[in-house]
Amino acid sequence: MGQPDLASNSLTSYADVFADIINMVVYGGKPVLLEQNLKPFYLNSAVEKDGRLKGLYRDNCMEDIQNGIRYVIWGLENQYVPDRTTPFKSMGYTYTAYDRQIEEFMKQNKETHNSAYVSQLHPDQKLVPVITLVLYYGKEDIPEDICSMIRMPEDEAVQKYIQNYSLNLIRLRDLSQKQAEAFRSDFSCIAKFLSKSYTKSEQIEALKTDRQMLTHAQDTLYTLAAVTGDQQYLQIYEKYKYRGGMEVSEVAEALYQWGREDSRAEIARKDAAIAEKDSALMEQQAEIERLHAEIRRLKQAQGQ
């Protein structure tokens, strides 16, 4: 896991941001999933590989608890690079979430002395669905299912038994302007900066009038720095962090002002370069005039 992943993992771990993303993607922006119903669902586990234990870590996973009953287990994975093994990893994450539920039922059965020795689970012990969304920040193509990564046999009789596993891949750079504006949490900044519907100037102008307060300013700005490669976001955070709050418009205004300063500095640099060339050109012209004068003097001397 790289630094970009750490930044976005931290941002999407907050219940308000987590719920906001699910609501936009699944429910079209309607506030169906409530942040107060979310509870972390810890899934980190280890598998043996080459005689050693290898960690299997999810980015963020939460369970939706409604009236004391687990309803759905949601997972959010942040993907920056076109990792072609992502479909297999996601399949593994899904399995571990179901396996965790099975273990819970088996432990419960053991404690109540009601073990289902052969069937493992009783008929009324049903698992809740596990749904994983992969938030993809990159531009390059990425496989969306495991069959696209499998060398499929030509035999159709065999093909029909090969079960596929598809990603719920959210290409953030393909979001429309309407979709980007459907976010209500700090993640709206990320969506607007990535959405292909905005040009950079339009992004700045739209955000300059956004009075939304950043709830998680550090993680939002660190994620923006990771997404854009612009370290100025970190400088903005350092400037405002002691004040206790920051509006989105202030971030945009700081970027705008720094852009103007950069433009002025670039103009000054070019002006200095032009002045230097002009000075050199004037010196050359003066030298040419001196040589012409010397030639005229020599010709006059020869004519006497």
C-alpha atoms as a PDB file:
ATOM      1  CA  MET A   1       0.000   0.000   0.000  1.00  0.00           C
ATOM      2  CA  GLY A   2       1.461   3.358  -1.045  1.00  0.00           C
ATOM      3  CA  GLN A   3       1.060   6.849   0.372  1.00  0.00           C
ATOM      4  CA  PRO A   4      -1.867   7.731  -1.953  1.00  0.00           C
ATOM      5  CA  ASP A   5      -3.781   4.704  -0.654  1.00  0.00           C
ATOM      6  CA  LEU A   6      -3.113   5.731   2.932  1.00  0.00           C
ATOM      7  CA  ALA A   7      -4.544   9.196   2.316  1.00  0.00           C
ATOM      8  CA  SER A   8      -7.766   8.037   0.658  1.00  0.00           C
ATOM      9  CA  ASN A   9      -8.163   5.062   3.009  1.00  0.00           C
ATOM     10  CA  SER A  10      -8.139   7.447   5.945  1.00  0.00           C
ATOM     11  CA  LEU A  11     -10.690   9.772   4.316  1.00  0.00           C
ATOM     12  CA  THR A  12     -13.099   6.984   3.337  1.00  0.00           C
ATOM     13  CA  SER A  13     -12.890   5.405   6.792  1.00  0.00           C
ATOM     14  CA  TYR A  14     -15.092   8.134   8.271  1.00  0.00           C
ATOM     15  CA  ALA A  15     -18.725   7.043   8.554  1.00  0.00           C
ATOM     16  CA  ASP A  16     -20.107  10.220   6.937  1.00  0.00           C
ATOM     17  CA  VAL A  17     -17.807   9.894   3.913  1.00  0.00           C
ATOM     18  CA  PHE A  18     -18.346   6.127   3.681  1.00  0.00           C
ATOM     19  CA  ALA A  19     -22.149   6.516   3.748  1.00  0.00           C
ATOM     20  CA  ASP A  20     -21.997   9.407   1.265  1.00  0.00           C
ATOM     21  CA  ILE A  21     -20.100   7.308  -1.287  1.00  0.00           C
ATOM     22  CA  ILE A  22     -22.490   4.359  -0.953  1.00  0.00           C
ATOM     23  CA  ASN A  23     -25.506   6.659  -1.218  1.00  0.00           C
ATOM     24  CA  MET A  24     -24.219   8.324  -4.395  1.00  0.00           C
ATOM     25  CA  VAL A  25     -23.142   5.122  -6.134  1.00  0.00           C
ATOM     26  CA  VAL A  26     -25.956   2.803  -5.053  1.00  0.00           C
ATOM     27  CA  TYR A  27     -28.874   5.123  -4.317  1.00  0.00           C
ATOM     28  CA  GLY A  28     -28.245   7.964  -6.768  1.00  0.00           C
ATOM     29  CA  GLY A  29     -27.455  10.488  -4.047  1.00  0.00           C
ATOM     30  CA  LYS A  30     -30.445   9.772  -1.791  1.00  0.00           C
ATOM     31  CA  PRO A  31     -29.478   9.582   1.925  1.00  0.00           C
ATOM     32  CA  VAL A  32     -30.613   5.966   2.386  1.00  0.00           C
ATOM     33  CA  LEU A  33     -27.561   4.613   4.213  1.00  0.00           C
ATOM     34  CA  LEU A  34     -27.248   6.442   7.532  1.00  0.00           C
ATOM     35  CA  GLU A  35     -23.815   7.064   8.996  1.00  0.00           C
ATOM     36  CA  GLN A  36     -25.081   6.413  12.525  1.00  0.00           C
ATOM     37  CA  ASN A  37     -26.002   2.863  11.452  1.00  0.00           C
ATOM     38  CA  LEU A  38     -22.464   2.049  10.313  1.00  0.00           C
ATOM     39  CA  LYS A  39     -20.071   0.049  12.431  1.00  0.00           C
ATOM     40  CA  PRO A  40     -16.545  -1.075  11.430  1.00  0.00           C
ATOM     41  CA  PHE A  41     -16.430  -4.703  10.354  1.00  0.00           C
ATOM     42  CA  TYR A  42     -12.872  -5.859  10.906  1.00  0.00           C
ATOM     43  CA  LEU A  43     -11.708  -8.405   8.385  1.00  0.00           C
ATOM     44  CA  ASN A  44      -7.923  -8.371   8.372  1.00  0.00           C
ATOM     45  CA  SER A  45      -6.665 -11.924   8.201  1.00  0.00           C
ATOM     46  CA  ALA A  46      -3.597 -13.888   7.185  1.00  0.00           C
ATOM     47  CA  VAL A  47      -3.020 -16.632   4.638  1.00  0.00           C
ATOM     48  CA  GLU A  48      -0.013 -18.896   4.277  1.00  0.00           C
ATOM     49  CA  LYS A  49       2.153 -18.353   1.213  1.00  0.00           C
ATOM     50  CA  ASP A  50       5.589 -19.838   0.605  1.00  0.00           C
ATOM     51  CA  GLY A  51       5.727 -21.043   4.188  1.00  0.00           C
ATOM     52  CA  ARG A  52       5.019 -17.574   5.567  1.00  0.00           C
ATOM     53  CA  LEU A  53       1.918 -15.752   6.692  1.00  0.00           C
ATOM     54  CA  LYS A  54       0.773 -13.036   4.324  1.00  0.00           C
ATOM     55  CA  GLY A  55      -1.639 -10.346   5.481  1.00  0.00           C
ATOM     56  CA  LEU A  56      -4.943  -9.815   3.699  1.00  0.00           C
ATOM     57  CA  TYR A  57      -6.043  -6.281   4.488  1.00  0.00           C
ATOM     58  CA  ARG A  58      -9.178  -4.494   3.398  1.00  0.00           C
ATOM     59  CA  ASP A  59      -9.160  -0.732   2.983  1.00  0.00           C
ATOM     60  CA  ASN A  60     -12.495  -0.058   4.657  1.00  0.00           C
ATOM     61  CA  CYS A  61     -15.335  -2.372   5.610  1.00  0.00           C
ATOM     62  CA  MET A  62     -18.476  -1.498   7.592  1.00  0.00           C
ATOM     63  CA  GLU A  63     -21.692  -3.238   8.528  1.00  0.00           C
ATOM     64  CA  ASP A  64     -25.057  -1.525   8.290  1.00  0.00           C
ATOM     65  CA  ILE A  65     -26.918  -2.178  11.551  1.00  0.00           C
ATOM     66  CA  GLN A  66     -30.658  -1.471  11.359  1.00  0.00           C
ATOM     67  CA  ASN A  67     -32.730  -1.944  14.512  1.00  0.00           C
ATOM     68  CA  GLY A  68     -29.956  -4.028  16.005  1.00  0.00           C
ATOM     69  CA  ILE A  69     -29.824  -6.380  13.008  1.00  0.00           C
ATOM     70  CA  ARG A  70     -26.967  -6.609  10.520  1.00  0.00           C
ATOM     71  CA  TYR A  71     -28.383  -5.717   7.111  1.00  0.00           C
ATOM     72  CA  VAL A  72     -25.469  -5.482   4.634  1.00  0.00           C
ATOM     73  CA  ILE A  73     -21.686  -5.557   4.899  1.00  0.00           C
ATOM     74  CA  TRP A  74     -20.164  -2.855   2.705  1.00  0.00           C
ATOM     75  CA  GLY A  75     -16.563  -2.659   1.562  1.00  0.00           C
ATOM     76  CA  LEU A  76     -14.717   0.248  -0.069  1.00  0.00           C
ATOM     77  CA  GLU A  77     -11.381  -0.335  -1.781  1.00  0.00           C
ATOM     78  CA  ASN A  78      -9.255   2.581  -3.019  1.00  0.00           C
ATOM     79  CA  GLN A  79      -7.301   1.802  -6.177  1.00  0.00           C
ATOM     80  CA  TYR A  80      -4.820   4.254  -7.719  1.00  0.00           C
ATOM     81  CA  VAL A  81      -2.828   2.018 -10.069  1.00  0.00           C
ATOM     82  CA  PRO A  82      -4.150  -0.423 -12.707  1.00  0.00           C
ATOM     83  CA  ASP A  83      -3.405  -3.504 -10.605  1.00  0.00           C
ATOM     84  CA  ARG A  84      -4.526  -6.398 -12.791  1.00  0.00           C
ATOM     85  CA  THR A  85      -4.880  -8.683  -9.782  1.00  0.00           C
ATOM     86  CA  THR A  86      -7.610  -6.503  -8.242  1.00  0.00           C
ATOM     87  CA  PRO A  87     -10.532  -8.805  -9.235  1.00  0.00           C
ATOM     88  CA  PHE A  88      -8.864 -11.734  -7.464  1.00  0.00           C
ATOM     89  CA  LYS A  89      -8.094  -9.656  -4.374  1.00  0.00           C
ATOM     90  CA  SER A  90     -11.675  -8.386  -4.219  1.00  0.00           C
ATOM     91  CA  MET A  91     -12.947 -11.946  -4.483  1.00  0.00           C
ATOM     92  CA  GLY A  92     -10.716 -12.856  -1.535  1.00  0.00           C
ATOM     93  CA  TYR A  93     -12.039  -9.925   0.507  1.00  0.00           C
ATOM     94  CA  THR A  94     -15.610 -11.047  -0.156  1.00  0.00           C
ATOM     95  CA  TYR A  95     -14.814 -14.590   0.905  1.00  0.00           C
ATOM     96  CA  THR A  96     -13.243 -13.458   4.193  1.00  0.00           C
ATOM     97  CA  ALA A  97     -16.358 -11.417   5.029  1.00  0.00           C
ATOM     98  CA  TYR A  98     -18.591 -14.442   4.499  1.00  0.00           C
ATOM     99  CA  ASP A  99     -16.151 -16.704   6.344  1.00  0.00           C
ATOM    100  CA  ARG A 100     -16.163 -14.313   9.293  1.00  0.00           C
ATOM    101  CA  GLN A 101     -19.967 -14.606   9.480  1.00  0.00           C
ATOM    102  CA  ILE A 102     -19.778 -18.398   9.357  1.00  0.00           C
ATOM    103  CA  GLU A 103     -17.279 -18.378  12.223  1.00  0.00           C
ATOM    104  CA  GLU A 104     -19.602 -16.167  14.259  1.00  0.00           C
ATOM    105  CA  PHE A 105     -22.507 -18.589  13.801  1.00  0.00           C
ATOM    106  CA  MET A 106     -20.341 -21.610  14.622  1.00  0.00           C
ATOM    107  CA  LYS A 107     -19.047 -19.913  17.770  1.00  0.00           C
ATOM    108  CA  GLN A 108     -22.610 -19.080  18.759  1.00  0.00           C
ATOM    109  CA  ASN A 109     -23.688 -22.673  18.182  1.00  0.00           C
ATOM    110  CA  LYS A 110     -20.837 -23.958  20.301  1.00  0.00           C
ATOM    111  CA  GLU A 111     -21.635 -21.596  23.151  1.00  0.00           C
ATOM    112  CA  THR A 112     -25.307 -22.626  23.126  1.00  0.00           C
ATOM    113  CA  HIS A 113     -24.422 -26.327  22.781  1.00  0.00           C
ATOM    114  CA  ASN A 114     -26.408 -26.392  19.549  1.00  0.00           C
ATOM    115  CA  SER A 115     -23.659 -27.340  17.122  1.00  0.00           C
ATOM    116  CA  ALA A 116     -24.523 -28.444  13.603  1.00  0.00           C
ATOM    117  CA  TYR A 117     -21.785 -31.045  13.345  1.00  0.00           C
ATOM    118  CA  VAL A 118     -22.195 -32.031   9.697  1.00  0.00           C
ATOM    119  CA  SER A 119     -23.955 -29.086   8.067  1.00  0.00           C
ATOM    120  CA  GLN A 120     -21.912 -26.529  10.114  1.00  0.00           C
ATOM    121  CA  LEU A 121     -24.836 -24.074  10.079  1.00  0.00           C
ATOM    122  CA  HIS A 122     -28.502 -24.498  10.922  1.00  0.00           C
ATOM    123  CA  PRO A 123     -31.087 -23.874   8.163  1.00  0.00           C
ATOM    124  CA  ASP A 124     -32.214 -20.604   9.726  1.00  0.00           C
ATOM    125  CA  GLN A 125     -28.675 -19.206  10.004  1.00  0.00           C
ATOM    126  CA  LYS A 126     -28.443 -17.006   6.915  1.00  0.00           C
ATOM    127  CA  LEU A 127     -25.496 -14.789   6.018  1.00  0.00           C
ATOM    128  CA  VAL A 128     -25.961 -11.152   5.035  1.00  0.00           C
ATOM    129  CA  PRO A 129     -24.733  -9.977   1.636  1.00  0.00           C
ATOM    130  CA  VAL A 130     -21.223  -8.593   1.222  1.00  0.00           C
ATOM    131  CA  ILE A 131     -20.905  -5.791  -1.337  1.00  0.00           C
ATOM    132  CA  THR A 132     -17.552  -4.275  -2.282  1.00  0.00           C
ATOM    133  CA  LEU A 133     -17.102  -1.101  -4.307  1.00  0.00           C
ATOM    134  CA  VAL A 134     -13.706  -0.372  -5.850  1.00  0.00           C
ATOM    135  CA  LEU A 135     -13.008   3.364  -6.147  1.00  0.00           C
ATOM    136  CA  TYR A 136     -10.588   3.732  -9.050  1.00  0.00           C
ATOM    137  CA  TYR A 137      -8.665   7.020  -9.221  1.00  0.00           C
ATOM    138  CA  GLY A 138      -6.480   6.147 -12.220  1.00  0.00           C
ATOM    139  CA  LYS A 139      -6.760   6.736 -15.968  1.00  0.00           C
ATOM    140  CA  GLU A 140      -5.430   3.463 -17.366  1.00  0.00           C
ATOM    141  CA  ASP A 141      -7.610   0.483 -18.172  1.00  0.00           C
ATOM    142  CA  ILE A 142      -8.204  -2.048 -15.417  1.00  0.00           C
ATOM    143  CA  PRO A 143      -9.761  -5.554 -15.650  1.00  0.00           C
ATOM    144  CA  GLU A 144     -13.275  -5.672 -14.255  1.00  0.00           C
ATOM    145  CA  ASP A 145     -13.667  -9.421 -13.738  1.00  0.00           C
ATOM    146  CA  ILE A 146     -11.553 -12.527 -13.264  1.00  0.00           C
ATOM    147  CA  CYS A 147     -12.520 -14.086 -16.603  1.00  0.00           C
ATOM    148  CA  SER A 148     -10.769 -11.235 -18.404  1.00  0.00           C
ATOM    149  CA  MET A 149      -7.608 -12.407 -16.636  1.00  0.00           C
ATOM    150  CA  ILE A 150      -8.062 -16.107 -17.400  1.00  0.00           C
ATOM    151  CA  ARG A 151      -6.820 -17.945 -20.481  1.00  0.00           C
ATOM    152  CA  MET A 152     -10.171 -19.402 -21.396  1.00  0.00           C
ATOM    153  CA  PRO A 153     -10.251 -22.907 -22.911  1.00  0.00           C
ATOM    154  CA  GLU A 154     -11.818 -23.213 -26.334  1.00  0.00           C
ATOM    155  CA  ASP A 155     -14.033 -26.070 -25.187  1.00  0.00           C
ATOM    156  CA  GLU A 156     -17.483 -24.534 -24.603  1.00  0.00           C
ATOM    157  CA  ALA A 157     -18.432 -27.487 -22.431  1.00  0.00           C
ATOM    158  CA  VAL A 158     -15.701 -26.410 -20.020  1.00  0.00           C
ATOM    159  CA  GLN A 159     -16.358 -22.680 -20.357  1.00  0.00           C
ATOM    160  CA  LYS A 160     -19.881 -22.880 -18.957  1.00  0.00           C
ATOM    161  CA  TYR A 161     -18.512 -24.192 -15.644  1.00  0.00           C
ATOM    162  CA  ILE A 162     -16.022 -21.348 -15.190  1.00  0.00           C
ATOM    163  CA  GLN A 163     -17.610 -19.005 -12.702  1.00  0.00           C
ATOM    164  CA  ASN A 164     -16.856 -15.341 -13.108  1.00  0.00           C
ATOM    165  CA  TYR A 165     -16.420 -12.687 -10.425  1.00  0.00           C
ATOM    166  CA  SER A 166     -17.022  -9.095 -11.468  1.00  0.00           C
ATOM    167  CA  LEU A 167     -15.844  -5.900  -9.786  1.00  0.00           C
ATOM    168  CA  ASN A 168     -18.162  -3.116  -8.762  1.00  0.00           C
ATOM    169  CA  LEU A 169     -15.667  -0.714 -10.312  1.00  0.00           C
ATOM    170  CA  ILE A 170     -16.335   3.005  -9.862  1.00  0.00           C
ATOM    171  CA  ARG A 171     -14.198   4.965 -12.313  1.00  0.00           C
ATOM    172  CA  LEU A 172     -14.062   8.314 -10.553  1.00  0.00           C
ATOM    173  CA  ARG A 173     -12.647  10.093 -13.599  1.00  0.00           C
ATOM    174  CA  ASP A 174     -15.735   9.044 -15.586  1.00  0.00           C
ATOM    175  CA  LEU A 175     -18.213  10.657 -13.194  1.00  0.00           C
ATOM    176  CA  SER A 176     -20.552  13.174 -14.760  1.00  0.00           C
ATOM    177  CA  GLN A 177     -20.893  16.663 -13.316  1.00  0.00           C
ATOM    178  CA  LYS A 178     -24.298  15.688 -11.898  1.00  0.00           C
ATOM    179  CA  GLN A 179     -22.816  12.644 -10.177  1.00  0.00           C
ATOM    180  CA  ALA A 180     -19.885  14.609  -8.781  1.00  0.00           C
ATOM    181  CA  GLU A 181     -22.250  17.194  -7.343  1.00  0.00           C
ATOM    182  CA  ALA A 182     -24.375  14.472  -5.704  1.00  0.00           C
ATOM    183  CA  PHE A 183     -21.727  13.916  -3.010  1.00  0.00           C
ATOM    184  CA  ARG A 184     -22.415  15.744   0.240  1.00  0.00           C
ATOM    185  CA  SER A 185     -19.334  14.892   2.295  1.00  0.00           C
ATOM    186  CA  ASP A 186     -15.718  16.004   1.914  1.00  0.00           C
ATOM    187  CA  PHE A 187     -15.429  13.417  -0.852  1.00  0.00           C
ATOM    188  CA  SER A 188     -17.250  15.870  -3.125  1.00  0.00           C
ATOM    189  CA  CYS A 189     -13.929  17.733  -3.519  1.00  0.00           C
ATOM    190  CA  ILE A 190     -12.235  14.579  -4.754  1.00  0.00           C
ATOM    191  CA  ALA A 191     -15.076  13.768  -7.131  1.00  0.00           C
ATOM    192  CA  LYS A 192     -15.168  17.270  -8.626  1.00  0.00           C
ATOM    193  CA  PHE A 193     -11.415  17.351  -9.185  1.00  0.00           C
ATOM    194  CA  LEU A 194     -11.472  13.957 -10.903  1.00  0.00           C
ATOM    195  CA  SER A 195     -14.679  14.246 -12.903  1.00  0.00           C
ATOM    196  CA  LYS A 196     -14.036  14.541 -16.627  1.00  0.00           C
ATOM    197  CA  SER A 197     -16.933  16.992 -16.877  1.00  0.00           C
ATOM    198  CA  TYR A 198     -14.846  19.787 -15.365  1.00  0.00           C
ATOM    199  CA  THR A 199     -11.876  21.623 -16.806  1.00  0.00           C
ATOM    200  CA  LYS A 200      -9.310  22.798 -14.273  1.00  0.00           C
ATOM    201  CA  SER A 201     -10.483  26.414 -14.505  1.00  0.00           C
ATOM    202  CA  GLU A 202     -14.122  25.314 -14.114  1.00  0.00           C
ATOM    203  CA  GLN A 203     -13.187  23.253 -11.076  1.00  0.00           C
ATOM    204  CA  ILE A 204     -11.536  26.213  -9.386  1.00  0.00           C
ATOM    205  CA  GLU A 205     -14.416  28.565 -10.205  1.00  0.00           C
ATOM    206  CA  ALA A 206     -17.024  26.061  -8.957  1.00  0.00           C
ATOM    207  CA  LEU A 207     -15.153  25.474  -5.714  1.00  0.00           C
ATOM    208  CA  LYS A 208     -14.491  29.189  -5.099  1.00  0.00           C
ATOM    209  CA  THR A 209     -18.214  29.662  -4.375  1.00  0.00           C
ATOM    210  CA  ASP A 210     -18.575  26.446  -2.322  1.00  0.00           C
ATOM    211  CA  ARG A 211     -19.198  27.426   1.313  1.00  0.00           C
ATOM    212  CA  GLN A 212     -19.076  23.816   2.553  1.00  0.00           C
ATOM    213  CA  MET A 213     -16.872  23.339   5.604  1.00  0.00           C
ATOM    214  CA  LEU A 214     -14.357  20.512   5.340  1.00  0.00           C
ATOM    215  CA  THR A 215     -15.032  18.098   8.172  1.00  0.00           C
ATOM    216  CA  HIS A 216     -11.877  16.095   7.585  1.00  0.00           C
ATOM    217  CA  ALA A 217      -9.601  18.779   6.160  1.00  0.00           C
ATOM    218  CA  GLN A 218      -6.283  16.975   6.601  1.00  0.00           C
ATOM    219  CA  ASP A 219      -7.345  13.723   4.955  1.00  0.00           C
ATOM    220  CA  THR A 220      -9.218  15.555   2.196  1.00  0.00           C
ATOM    221  CA  LEU A 221      -6.259  17.762   1.297  1.00  0.00           C
ATOM    222  CA  TYR A 222      -3.790  14.898   1.562  1.00  0.00           C
ATOM    223  CA  THR A 223      -5.994  12.862  -0.792  1.00  0.00           C
ATOM    224  CA  LEU A 224      -6.195  15.790  -3.227  1.00  0.00           C
ATOM    225  CA  ALA A 225      -2.398  16.044  -3.122  1.00  0.00           C
ATOM    226  CA  ALA A 226      -2.159  12.325  -3.900  1.00  0.00           C
ATOM    227  CA  VAL A 227      -4.748  12.526  -6.687  1.00  0.00           C
ATOM    228  CA  THR A 228      -3.355  15.630  -8.407  1.00  0.00           C
ATOM    229  CA  GLY A 229       0.329  15.313  -7.548  1.00  0.00           C
ATOM    230  CA  ASP A 230       0.168  18.940  -6.362  1.00  0.00           C
ATOM    231  CA  GLN A 231       1.893  19.395  -2.994  1.00  0.00           C
ATOM    232  CA  GLN A 232       0.332  22.843  -2.572  1.00  0.00           C
ATOM    233  CA  TYR A 233      -2.638  21.141  -0.915  1.00  0.00           C
ATOM    234  CA  LEU A 234      -0.362  20.145   1.936  1.00  0.00           C
ATOM    235  CA  GLN A 235       0.759  23.770   2.265  1.00  0.00           C
ATOM    236  CA  ILE A 236      -2.882  24.861   2.411  1.00  0.00           C
ATOM    237  CA  TYR A 237      -3.501  22.446   5.267  1.00  0.00           C
ATOM    238  CA  GLU A 238      -0.463  23.705   7.175  1.00  0.00           C
ATOM    239  CA  LYS A 239      -1.713  27.284   6.712  1.00  0.00           C
ATOM    240  CA  TYR A 240      -5.212  26.663   8.071  1.00  0.00           C
ATOM    241  CA  LYS A 241      -4.875  23.687  10.428  1.00  0.00           C
ATOM    242  CA  TYR A 242      -4.651  25.722  13.641  1.00  0.00           C
ATOM    243  CA  ARG A 243      -7.758  27.713  12.855  1.00  0.00           C
ATOM    244  CA  GLY A 244     -10.109  24.774  13.515  1.00  0.00           C
ATOM    245  CA  GLY A 245     -11.919  24.733  10.176  1.00  0.00           C
ATOM    246  CA  MET A 246     -11.697  25.434   6.491  1.00  0.00           C
ATOM    247  CA  GLU A 247     -14.173  26.126   3.715  1.00  0.00           C
ATOM    248  CA  VAL A 248     -13.863  24.518   0.291  1.00  0.00           C
ATOM    249  CA  SER A 249     -13.895  28.029  -1.185  1.00  0.00           C
ATOM    250  CA  GLU A 250     -10.780  28.900   0.815  1.00  0.00           C
ATOM    251  CA  VAL A 251      -8.937  25.952  -0.695  1.00  0.00           C
ATOM    252  CA  ALA A 252      -9.927  27.060  -4.186  1.00  0.00           C
ATOM    253  CA  GLU A 253      -9.032  30.699  -3.472  1.00  0.00           C
ATOM    254  CA  ALA A 254      -5.605  29.690  -2.146  1.00  0.00           C
ATOM    255  CA  LEU A 255      -4.976  27.661  -5.290  1.00  0.00           C
ATOM    256  CA  TYR A 256      -6.165  30.550  -7.443  1.00  0.00           C
ATOM    257  CA  GLN A 257      -3.912  33.049  -5.693  1.00  0.00           C
ATOM    258  CA  TRP A 258      -0.940  30.711  -5.865  1.00  0.00           C
ATOM    259  CA  GLY A 259      -1.715  30.198  -9.531  1.00  0.00           C
ATOM    260  CA  ARG A 260      -1.650  33.968 -10.030  1.00  0.00           C
ATOM    261  CA  GLU A 261       1.621  34.213  -8.116  1.00  0.00           C
ATOM    262  CA  ASP A 262       3.060  31.404 -10.209  1.00  0.00           C
ATOM    263  CA  SER A 263       1.874  33.207 -13.355  1.00  0.00           C
ATOM    264  CA  ARG A 264       3.394  36.482 -12.196  1.00  0.00           C
ATOM    265  CA  ALA A 265       6.641  34.708 -11.346  1.00  0.00           C
ATOM    266  CA  GLU A 266       6.629  33.036 -14.759  1.00  0.00           C
ATOM    267  CA  ILE A 267       5.947  36.370 -16.494  1.00  0.00           C
ATOM    268  CA  ALA A 268       8.758  38.018 -14.496  1.00  0.00           C
ATOM    269  CA  ARG A 269      11.108  35.170 -15.414  1.00  0.00           C
ATOM    270  CA  LYS A 270      10.261  35.524 -19.105  1.00  0.00           C
ATOM    271  CA  ASP A 271      10.587  39.315 -18.936  1.00  0.00           C
ATOM    272  CA  ALA A 272      14.035  38.939 -17.369  1.00  0.00           C
ATOM    273  CA  ALA A 273      15.035  36.450 -20.072  1.00  0.00           C
ATOM    274  CA  ILE A 274      13.819  38.840 -22.799  1.00  0.00           C
ATOM    275  CA  ALA A 275      15.649  41.767 -21.169  1.00  0.00           C
ATOM    276  CA  GLU A 276      18.819  39.687 -21.026  1.00  0.00           C
ATOM    277  CA  LYS A 277      18.511  38.804 -24.706  1.00  0.00           C
ATOM    278  CA  ASP A 278      17.735  42.428 -25.595  1.00  0.00           C
ATOM    279  CA  SER A 279      20.841  43.537 -23.728  1.00  0.00           C
ATOM    280  CA  ALA A 280      22.941  40.950 -25.539  1.00  0.00           C
ATOM    281  CA  LEU A 281      21.410  42.014 -28.862  1.00  0.00           C
ATOM    282  CA  MET A 282      22.177  45.700 -28.163  1.00  0.00           C
ATOM    283  CA  GLU A 283      25.775  44.780 -27.353  1.00  0.00           C
ATOM    284  CA  GLN A 284      26.007  42.875 -30.639  1.00  0.00           C
ATOM    285  CA  GLN A 285      24.536  45.821 -32.556  1.00  0.00           C
ATOM    286  CA  ALA A 286      26.985  48.187 -30.857  1.00  0.00           C
ATOM    287  CA  GLU A 287      29.838  45.875 -31.831  1.00  0.00           C
ATOM    288  CA  ILE A 288      28.591  45.790 -35.418  1.00  0.00           C
ATOM    289  CA  GLU A 289      28.426  49.602 -35.521  1.00  0.00           C
ATOM    290  CA  ARG A 290      31.972  49.793 -34.117  1.00  0.00           C
ATOM    291  CA  LEU A 291      33.224  47.393 -36.810  1.00  0.00           C
ATOM    292  CA  HIS A 292      31.458  49.405 -39.532  1.00  0.00           C
ATOM    293  CA  ALA A 293      33.091  52.597 -38.249  1.00  0.00           C
ATOM    294  CA  GLU A 294      36.503  50.892 -38.210  1.00  0.00           C
ATOM    295  CA  ILE A 295      36.016  49.718 -41.812  1.00  0.00           C
ATOM    296  CA  ARG A 296      35.073  53.259 -42.926  1.00  0.00           C
ATOM    297  CA  ARG A 297      38.138  54.668 -41.200  1.00  0.00           C
ATOM    298  CA  LEU A 298      40.441  52.127 -42.907  1.00  0.00           C
ATOM    299  CA  LYS A 299      38.938  52.884 -46.314  1.00  0.00           C
ATOM    300  CA  GLN A 300      39.433  56.594 -45.800  1.00  0.00           C
ATOM    301  CA  ALA A 301      43.030  56.003 -44.783  1.00  0.00           C
ATOM    302  CA  GLN A 302      43.687  53.968 -47.968  1.00  0.00           C
ATOM    303  CA  GLY A 303      42.222  56.731 -50.164  1.00  0.00           C
ATOM    304  CA  GLN A 304      44.605  59.466 -48.852  1.00  0.00           C
END
